[in-house]
Amino acid sequence: MKENNKKLAREWFEKAKDDERAVENLLKEKGPFSIICFLCQQMAEKYLKGYLVFKGKAIRKTHDLGEILERCRQIEQDFKNS
């Protein structure tokens, strides 16, 4: 695997972790549900895109979780249970 792929994947995972921390804080404070949902979608998207980059796959500019998840399923069978 290219070192650059690892670095890019790590960056995606770090951004996703930031979203996760924000969600946890908003849940504790009973924050706006719409913002919590938005951040959860963003978090999932970033983790999935990080996985694709880690596997050396190019990522398209899309927010369609179904499409991104399908690409992950083509690589790893465990995503089929998601």
Protein backbone atom coordinates (compact mmCIF):
# COMPACT_ATOMS: atom_id res chain seq x y z
CA MET A 1 0.00 0.00 0.00
CA LYS A 2 1.22 3.46 -0.79
CA GLU A 3 2.22 5.58 2.18
CA ASN A 4 0.16 8.44 0.75
CA ASN A 5 -2.99 6.26 0.93
CA LYS A 6 -2.35 5.62 4.62
CA LYS A 7 -1.91 9.33 5.26
CA LEU A 8 -5.08 10.29 3.37
CA ALA A 9 -7.08 7.53 5.08
CA ARG A 10 -5.84 8.71 8.48
CA GLU A 11 -6.99 12.25 7.63
CA TRP A 12 -10.49 10.99 6.72
CA PHE A 13 -10.63 8.96 9.96
CA GLU A 14 -9.52 11.96 12.04
CA LYS A 15 -12.23 14.15 10.50
CA ALA A 16 -14.81 11.43 11.17
CA LYS A 17 -13.64 11.19 14.78
CA ASP A 18 -14.13 14.96 15.14
CA ASP A 19 -17.73 14.52 13.97
CA GLU A 20 -18.17 11.65 16.42
CA ARG A 21 -16.96 13.78 19.34
CA ALA A 22 -19.30 16.60 18.30
CA VAL A 23 -22.23 14.15 18.19
CA GLU A 24 -21.38 12.84 21.66
CA ASN A 25 -21.27 16.38 23.05
CA LEU A 26 -24.54 17.38 21.38
CA LEU A 27 -26.25 14.25 22.69
CA LYS A 28 -25.11 15.04 26.24
CA GLU A 29 -26.44 18.58 25.91
CA LYS A 30 -29.65 17.47 24.18
CA GLY A 31 -28.62 19.46 21.12
CA PRO A 32 -30.64 19.88 17.95
CA PHE A 33 -31.61 16.49 16.55
CA SER A 34 -31.25 17.70 12.95
CA ILE A 35 -27.62 18.67 13.54
CA ILE A 36 -26.90 15.36 15.30
CA CYS A 37 -28.33 13.44 12.32
CA PHE A 38 -26.36 15.54 9.85
CA LEU A 39 -23.11 14.93 11.74
CA CYS A 40 -23.83 11.18 11.94
CA GLN A 41 -24.26 11.08 8.16
CA GLN A 42 -21.03 13.05 7.72
CA MET A 43 -19.20 10.76 10.14
CA ALA A 44 -20.32 7.61 8.32
CA GLU A 45 -19.39 9.11 4.96
CA LYS A 46 -15.89 10.02 6.15
CA TYR A 47 -15.22 6.62 7.73
CA LEU A 48 -16.34 4.86 4.53
CA LYS A 49 -14.32 7.15 2.28
CA GLY A 50 -11.32 6.65 4.54
CA TYR A 51 -11.71 2.90 4.11
CA LEU A 52 -11.82 3.24 0.32
CA VAL A 53 -8.71 5.42 0.28
CA PHE A 54 -6.95 2.97 2.62
CA LYS A 55 -7.72 0.22 0.10
CA GLY A 56 -6.24 2.34 -2.69
CA LYS A 57 -9.55 3.23 -4.33
CA ALA A 58 -10.34 6.62 -5.79
CA ILE A 59 -13.29 8.38 -4.23
CA ARG A 60 -15.93 10.30 -6.11
CA LYS A 61 -17.29 13.58 -4.87
CA THR A 62 -20.63 12.33 -3.55
CA HIS A 63 -22.59 12.29 -0.30
CA ASP A 64 -24.65 9.24 -1.28
CA LEU A 65 -24.01 6.77 1.55
CA GLY A 66 -25.66 3.96 -0.39
CA GLU A 67 -23.28 4.41 -3.30
CA ILE A 68 -20.22 4.68 -1.05
CA LEU A 69 -21.29 1.65 0.99
CA GLU A 70 -21.79 -0.38 -2.19
CA ARG A 71 -18.22 0.37 -3.24
CA CYS A 72 -17.02 -0.83 0.18
CA ARG A 73 -19.11 -4.00 -0.21
CA GLN A 74 -17.32 -4.75 -3.47
CA ILE A 75 -14.05 -4.87 -1.51
CA GLU A 76 -15.07 -6.47 1.78
CA GLN A 77 -17.88 -8.98 2.34
CA ASP A 78 -18.42 -7.83 5.95
CA PHE A 79 -19.99 -4.63 4.61
CA LYS A 80 -22.79 -6.76 3.15
CA ASN A 81 -24.22 -7.11 6.66
CA SER A 82 -24.49 -3.32 6.97
